[in-house]
């Protein structure tokens, strides 16, 4: 897939990841190129985020983020990104195109 082919909501996942840490966004962007559809892309991103959530300190140390962000903040932000991903995946693809986050706000 190409970044330009993603819906606004899927692009929002990448934007949120970049707010957490630039290396995280790069890792997630690399996943896009390995997938054929938006749903498989988001599922692969979800799997990656779940892996990082299991050991956020290891990821932080890998990219020298431990001084930049504290572990609790990073773990909380990963949890929020995880929830957002699940919410986006629950929205039918056609509704993701409009970019409205109102669809997933409860």
N, C-alpha and C. Protein backbone atom coordinates (compact mmCIF):
# COMPACT_ATOMS: atom_id res chain seq x y z
N UNK A 1 0.83 -1.19 0.00
CA UNK A 1 0.00 0.00 0.00
C UNK A 1 0.87 1.24 0.00
N UNK A 2 0.27 2.33 -0.40
CA UNK A 2 0.93 3.63 -0.33
C UNK A 2 0.21 4.47 0.72
N UNK A 3 0.95 5.37 1.33
CA UNK A 3 0.38 6.24 2.35
C UNK A 3 -0.83 6.99 1.80
N UNK A 4 -0.74 7.45 0.58
CA UNK A 4 -1.80 8.24 -0.04
C UNK A 4 -3.11 7.45 -0.19
N UNK A 5 -3.02 6.14 -0.19
CA UNK A 5 -4.20 5.29 -0.34
C UNK A 5 -4.96 5.08 0.97
N UNK A 6 -4.37 5.46 2.07
CA UNK A 6 -5.02 5.26 3.37
C UNK A 6 -6.14 6.28 3.57
N UNK A 7 -7.14 5.87 4.32
CA UNK A 7 -8.22 6.79 4.69
C UNK A 7 -7.68 7.82 5.68
N UNK A 8 -8.45 8.86 5.87
CA UNK A 8 -8.05 9.90 6.83
C UNK A 8 -7.89 9.32 8.23
N UNK A 9 -8.77 8.42 8.60
CA UNK A 9 -8.69 7.84 9.94
C UNK A 9 -7.43 6.99 10.10
N UNK A 10 -7.06 6.25 9.07
CA UNK A 10 -5.84 5.44 9.13
C UNK A 10 -4.61 6.34 9.20
N UNK A 11 -4.65 7.43 8.45
CA UNK A 11 -3.55 8.39 8.53
C UNK A 11 -3.47 9.00 9.92
N UNK A 12 -4.60 9.12 10.58
CA UNK A 12 -4.63 9.63 11.95
C UNK A 12 -3.86 8.75 12.91
N UNK A 13 -3.85 7.45 12.65
CA UNK A 13 -3.07 6.52 13.47
C UNK A 13 -1.59 6.89 13.39
N UNK A 14 -1.14 7.16 12.18
CA UNK A 14 0.27 7.52 11.99
C UNK A 14 0.59 8.86 12.64
N UNK A 15 -0.34 9.80 12.52
CA UNK A 15 -0.12 11.11 13.14
C UNK A 15 0.00 10.96 14.66
N UNK A 16 -0.89 10.16 15.24
CA UNK A 16 -0.84 9.95 16.69
C UNK A 16 0.46 9.26 17.09
N UNK A 17 0.92 8.31 16.28
CA UNK A 17 2.17 7.62 16.61
C UNK A 17 3.35 8.58 16.57
N UNK A 18 3.32 9.52 15.63
CA UNK A 18 4.40 10.50 15.54
C UNK A 18 4.43 11.44 16.73
N UNK A 19 3.27 11.69 17.33
CA UNK A 19 3.21 12.52 18.54
C UNK A 19 3.82 11.78 19.73
N UNK A 20 3.80 10.46 19.68
CA UNK A 20 4.39 9.65 20.75
C UNK A 20 5.90 9.62 20.59
N UNK A 21 6.36 9.23 19.40
CA UNK A 21 7.81 9.15 19.13
C UNK A 21 8.03 9.01 17.63
N UNK A 22 8.94 9.79 17.10
CA UNK A 22 9.24 9.75 15.67
C UNK A 22 9.64 8.35 15.19
N UNK A 23 10.48 7.60 15.93
CA UNK A 23 10.82 6.25 15.46
C UNK A 23 9.61 5.32 15.37
N UNK A 24 8.64 5.53 16.26
CA UNK A 24 7.43 4.71 16.21
C UNK A 24 6.68 4.96 14.91
N UNK A 25 6.55 6.21 14.54
CA UNK A 25 5.87 6.53 13.28
C UNK A 25 6.61 5.90 12.10
N UNK A 26 7.91 5.98 12.09
CA UNK A 26 8.70 5.38 11.00
C UNK A 26 8.45 3.88 10.94
N UNK A 27 8.45 3.22 12.08
CA UNK A 27 8.18 1.77 12.10
C UNK A 27 6.80 1.46 11.53
N UNK A 28 5.81 2.27 11.92
CA UNK A 28 4.45 2.02 11.43
C UNK A 28 4.32 2.35 9.95
N UNK A 29 5.00 3.38 9.49
CA UNK A 29 4.97 3.70 8.05
C UNK A 29 5.58 2.58 7.23
N UNK A 30 6.62 1.95 7.75
CA UNK A 30 7.24 0.83 7.03
C UNK A 30 6.29 -0.34 6.88
N UNK A 31 5.39 -0.51 7.84
CA UNK A 31 4.41 -1.60 7.77
C UNK A 31 3.47 -1.39 6.60
N UNK A 32 3.14 -0.14 6.30
CA UNK A 32 2.21 0.16 5.20
C UNK A 32 2.66 -0.48 3.90
N UNK A 33 3.94 -0.35 3.61
CA UNK A 33 4.47 -0.82 2.32
C UNK A 33 4.45 -2.33 2.18
N UNK A 34 4.30 -3.03 3.30
CA UNK A 34 4.29 -4.49 3.29
C UNK A 34 2.89 -5.07 3.13
N UNK A 35 1.87 -4.23 3.13
CA UNK A 35 0.49 -4.71 3.14
C UNK A 35 -0.25 -4.33 1.85
N UNK A 36 -1.35 -5.05 1.59
CA UNK A 36 -2.12 -4.82 0.36
C UNK A 36 -3.38 -3.99 0.59
N UNK A 37 -3.95 -4.06 1.79
CA UNK A 37 -5.20 -3.36 2.05
C UNK A 37 -5.08 -2.55 3.33
N UNK A 38 -6.01 -1.62 3.50
CA UNK A 38 -5.99 -0.82 4.72
C UNK A 38 -6.25 -1.68 5.95
N UNK A 39 -7.18 -2.61 5.86
CA UNK A 39 -7.47 -3.44 7.02
C UNK A 39 -6.28 -4.31 7.42
N UNK A 40 -5.58 -4.88 6.44
CA UNK A 40 -4.40 -5.68 6.80
C UNK A 40 -3.30 -4.78 7.33
N UNK A 41 -3.21 -3.57 6.82
CA UNK A 41 -2.23 -2.61 7.32
C UNK A 41 -2.51 -2.28 8.77
N UNK A 42 -3.76 -1.93 9.07
CA UNK A 42 -4.11 -1.57 10.45
C UNK A 42 -3.96 -2.75 11.40
N UNK A 43 -4.28 -3.94 10.93
CA UNK A 43 -4.11 -5.13 11.76
C UNK A 43 -2.63 -5.39 12.05
N UNK A 44 -1.79 -5.22 11.04
CA UNK A 44 -0.35 -5.40 11.24
C UNK A 44 0.20 -4.33 12.19
N UNK A 45 -0.29 -3.11 12.05
CA UNK A 45 0.13 -2.03 12.95
C UNK A 45 -0.33 -2.35 14.38
N UNK A 46 -1.55 -2.84 14.51
CA UNK A 46 -2.06 -3.23 15.83
C UNK A 46 -1.17 -4.30 16.46
N UNK A 47 -0.79 -5.30 15.68
CA UNK A 47 0.10 -6.36 16.18
C UNK A 47 1.43 -5.77 16.66
N UNK A 48 1.98 -4.84 15.88
CA UNK A 48 3.24 -4.21 16.24
C UNK A 48 3.10 -3.41 17.54
N UNK A 49 2.04 -2.64 17.64
CA UNK A 49 1.81 -1.84 18.85
C UNK A 49 1.64 -2.75 20.07
N UNK A 50 0.94 -3.86 19.89
CA UNK A 50 0.78 -4.81 21.00
C UNK A 50 2.13 -5.37 21.43
N UNK A 51 3.02 -5.63 20.48
CA UNK A 51 4.35 -6.13 20.82
C UNK A 51 5.14 -5.08 21.60
N UNK A 52 5.08 -3.85 21.16
CA UNK A 52 5.79 -2.78 21.86
C UNK A 52 5.19 -2.56 23.25
N UNK A 53 3.88 -2.68 23.37
CA UNK A 53 3.21 -2.49 24.67
C UNK A 53 3.67 -3.52 25.70
N UNK A 54 4.05 -4.71 25.23
CA UNK A 54 4.49 -5.75 26.15
C UNK A 54 5.79 -5.38 26.85
N UNK A 55 6.64 -4.61 26.16
CA UNK A 55 7.91 -4.19 26.76
C UNK A 55 8.29 -2.80 26.25
N UNK A 56 7.58 -1.78 26.72
CA UNK A 56 7.85 -0.44 26.23
C UNK A 56 9.25 0.05 26.55
N UNK A 57 9.81 -0.39 27.67
CA UNK A 57 11.14 0.05 28.05
C UNK A 57 12.19 -0.41 27.03
N UNK A 58 12.04 -1.63 26.56
CA UNK A 58 12.97 -2.16 25.55
C UNK A 58 12.93 -1.30 24.28
N UNK A 59 11.72 -0.94 23.85
CA UNK A 59 11.58 -0.10 22.66
C UNK A 59 12.18 1.27 22.91
N UNK A 60 11.91 1.83 24.07
CA UNK A 60 12.44 3.15 24.41
C UNK A 60 13.97 3.14 24.42
N UNK A 61 14.56 2.10 24.97
CA UNK A 61 16.02 2.00 25.02
C UNK A 61 16.60 1.81 23.63
N UNK A 62 15.91 1.06 22.79
CA UNK A 62 16.38 0.81 21.43
C UNK A 62 16.57 2.11 20.66
N UNK A 63 15.68 3.05 20.89
CA UNK A 63 15.74 4.33 20.18
C UNK A 63 16.16 5.48 21.08
N UNK A 64 16.76 5.15 22.22
CA UNK A 64 17.24 6.16 23.17
C UNK A 64 16.15 7.16 23.54
N UNK A 65 14.95 6.65 23.76
CA UNK A 65 13.83 7.50 24.15
C UNK A 65 13.69 7.61 25.65
N UNK A 66 14.48 6.84 26.39
CA UNK A 66 14.31 6.80 27.84
C UNK A 66 14.55 8.16 28.50
N UNK A 67 15.42 8.98 27.95
CA UNK A 67 15.62 10.30 28.52
C UNK A 67 14.59 11.31 28.03
N UNK A 68 14.06 11.04 26.85
CA UNK A 68 13.13 11.97 26.21
C UNK A 68 11.71 11.83 26.78
N UNK A 69 11.27 10.65 27.00
CA UNK A 69 9.92 10.38 27.49
C UNK A 69 10.03 9.45 28.69
N UNK A 70 9.15 9.62 29.64
CA UNK A 70 9.21 8.66 30.74
C UNK A 70 8.38 7.43 30.39
N UNK A 71 8.71 6.35 31.03
CA UNK A 71 8.12 5.04 30.70
C UNK A 71 6.61 5.03 30.90
N UNK A 72 6.13 5.60 31.98
CA UNK A 72 4.69 5.61 32.24
C UNK A 72 3.94 6.38 31.17
N UNK A 73 4.45 7.54 30.81
CA UNK A 73 3.83 8.35 29.76
C UNK A 73 3.80 7.55 28.46
N UNK A 74 4.94 6.95 28.10
CA UNK A 74 5.05 6.20 26.86
C UNK A 74 4.06 5.03 26.85
N UNK A 75 3.98 4.30 27.95
CA UNK A 75 3.06 3.16 28.04
C UNK A 75 1.62 3.62 27.94
N UNK A 76 1.29 4.73 28.57
CA UNK A 76 -0.08 5.27 28.48
C UNK A 76 -0.42 5.70 27.06
N UNK A 77 0.52 6.33 26.41
CA UNK A 77 0.29 6.76 25.03
C UNK A 77 0.13 5.57 24.08
N UNK A 78 0.91 4.52 24.31
CA UNK A 78 0.76 3.29 23.51
C UNK A 78 -0.61 2.67 23.73
N UNK A 79 -1.08 2.69 24.97
CA UNK A 79 -2.42 2.16 25.27
C UNK A 79 -3.50 2.96 24.55
N UNK A 80 -3.35 4.27 24.55
CA UNK A 80 -4.32 5.12 23.86
C UNK A 80 -4.28 4.87 22.35
N UNK A 81 -3.08 4.70 21.80
CA UNK A 81 -2.96 4.40 20.37
C UNK A 81 -3.59 3.04 20.06
N UNK A 82 -3.37 2.08 20.93
CA UNK A 82 -3.95 0.74 20.77
C UNK A 82 -5.48 0.82 20.72
N UNK A 83 -6.05 1.57 21.65
CA UNK A 83 -7.51 1.73 21.68
C UNK A 83 -8.00 2.41 20.42
N UNK A 84 -7.30 3.44 19.99
CA UNK A 84 -7.69 4.15 18.77
C UNK A 84 -7.65 3.21 17.56
N UNK A 85 -6.63 2.39 17.48
CA UNK A 85 -6.53 1.42 16.37
C UNK A 85 -7.73 0.48 16.37
N UNK A 86 -8.08 -0.03 17.53
CA UNK A 86 -9.23 -0.94 17.62
C UNK A 86 -10.50 -0.21 17.20
N UNK A 87 -10.64 1.03 17.64
CA UNK A 87 -11.80 1.83 17.26
C UNK A 87 -11.85 2.06 15.74
N UNK A 88 -10.72 2.40 15.15
CA UNK A 88 -10.68 2.63 13.70
C UNK A 88 -11.02 1.35 12.95
N UNK A 89 -10.48 0.24 13.39
CA UNK A 89 -10.78 -1.04 12.73
C UNK A 89 -12.25 -1.42 12.83
N UNK A 90 -12.93 -0.91 13.84
CA UNK A 90 -14.36 -1.23 14.00
C UNK A 90 -15.24 -0.40 13.06
N UNK A 91 -14.68 0.62 12.46
CA UNK A 91 -15.44 1.48 11.54
C UNK A 91 -15.33 0.89 10.13
N UNK A 92 -16.45 0.71 9.43
CA UNK A 92 -16.37 0.21 8.05
C UNK A 92 -15.49 1.13 7.19
N UNK A 93 -14.75 0.55 6.29
CA UNK A 93 -13.79 1.29 5.47
C UNK A 93 -14.41 2.51 4.80
N UNK A 94 -15.59 2.39 4.27
CA UNK A 94 -16.24 3.50 3.59
C UNK A 94 -16.49 4.70 4.49
N UNK A 95 -16.69 4.46 5.77
CA UNK A 95 -16.92 5.55 6.71
C UNK A 95 -15.61 6.17 7.19
N UNK A 96 -14.50 5.46 7.03
CA UNK A 96 -13.20 6.00 7.43
C UNK A 96 -12.73 7.10 6.49
N UNK A 97 -13.25 7.11 5.29
CA UNK A 97 -12.76 8.05 4.27
C UNK A 97 -13.02 9.50 4.63
N UNK A 98 -14.10 9.77 5.33
CA UNK A 98 -14.44 11.16 5.60
C UNK A 98 -13.56 11.81 6.67
N UNK A 99 -12.79 11.00 7.36
CA UNK A 99 -11.87 11.53 8.33
C UNK A 99 -12.50 11.97 9.64
N UNK A 100 -13.76 11.73 9.81
CA UNK A 100 -14.44 12.18 11.01
C UNK A 100 -14.16 11.23 12.16
N UNK A 101 -13.66 11.78 13.26
CA UNK A 101 -13.43 10.95 14.44
C UNK A 101 -14.72 10.82 15.23
N UNK A 102 -15.77 11.53 14.85
CA UNK A 102 -17.05 11.41 15.54
C UNK A 102 -17.59 10.00 15.45
N UNK A 103 -17.24 9.29 14.39
CA UNK A 103 -17.72 7.93 14.19
C UNK A 103 -17.26 7.02 15.33
N UNK A 104 -16.06 7.28 15.86
CA UNK A 104 -15.55 6.38 16.90
C UNK A 104 -15.64 6.97 18.29
N UNK A 105 -16.07 8.20 18.41
CA UNK A 105 -16.23 8.78 19.73
C UNK A 105 -17.54 8.30 20.32
N UNK A 106 -17.50 7.89 21.57
CA UNK A 106 -18.70 7.34 22.20
C UNK A 106 -19.19 8.24 23.29
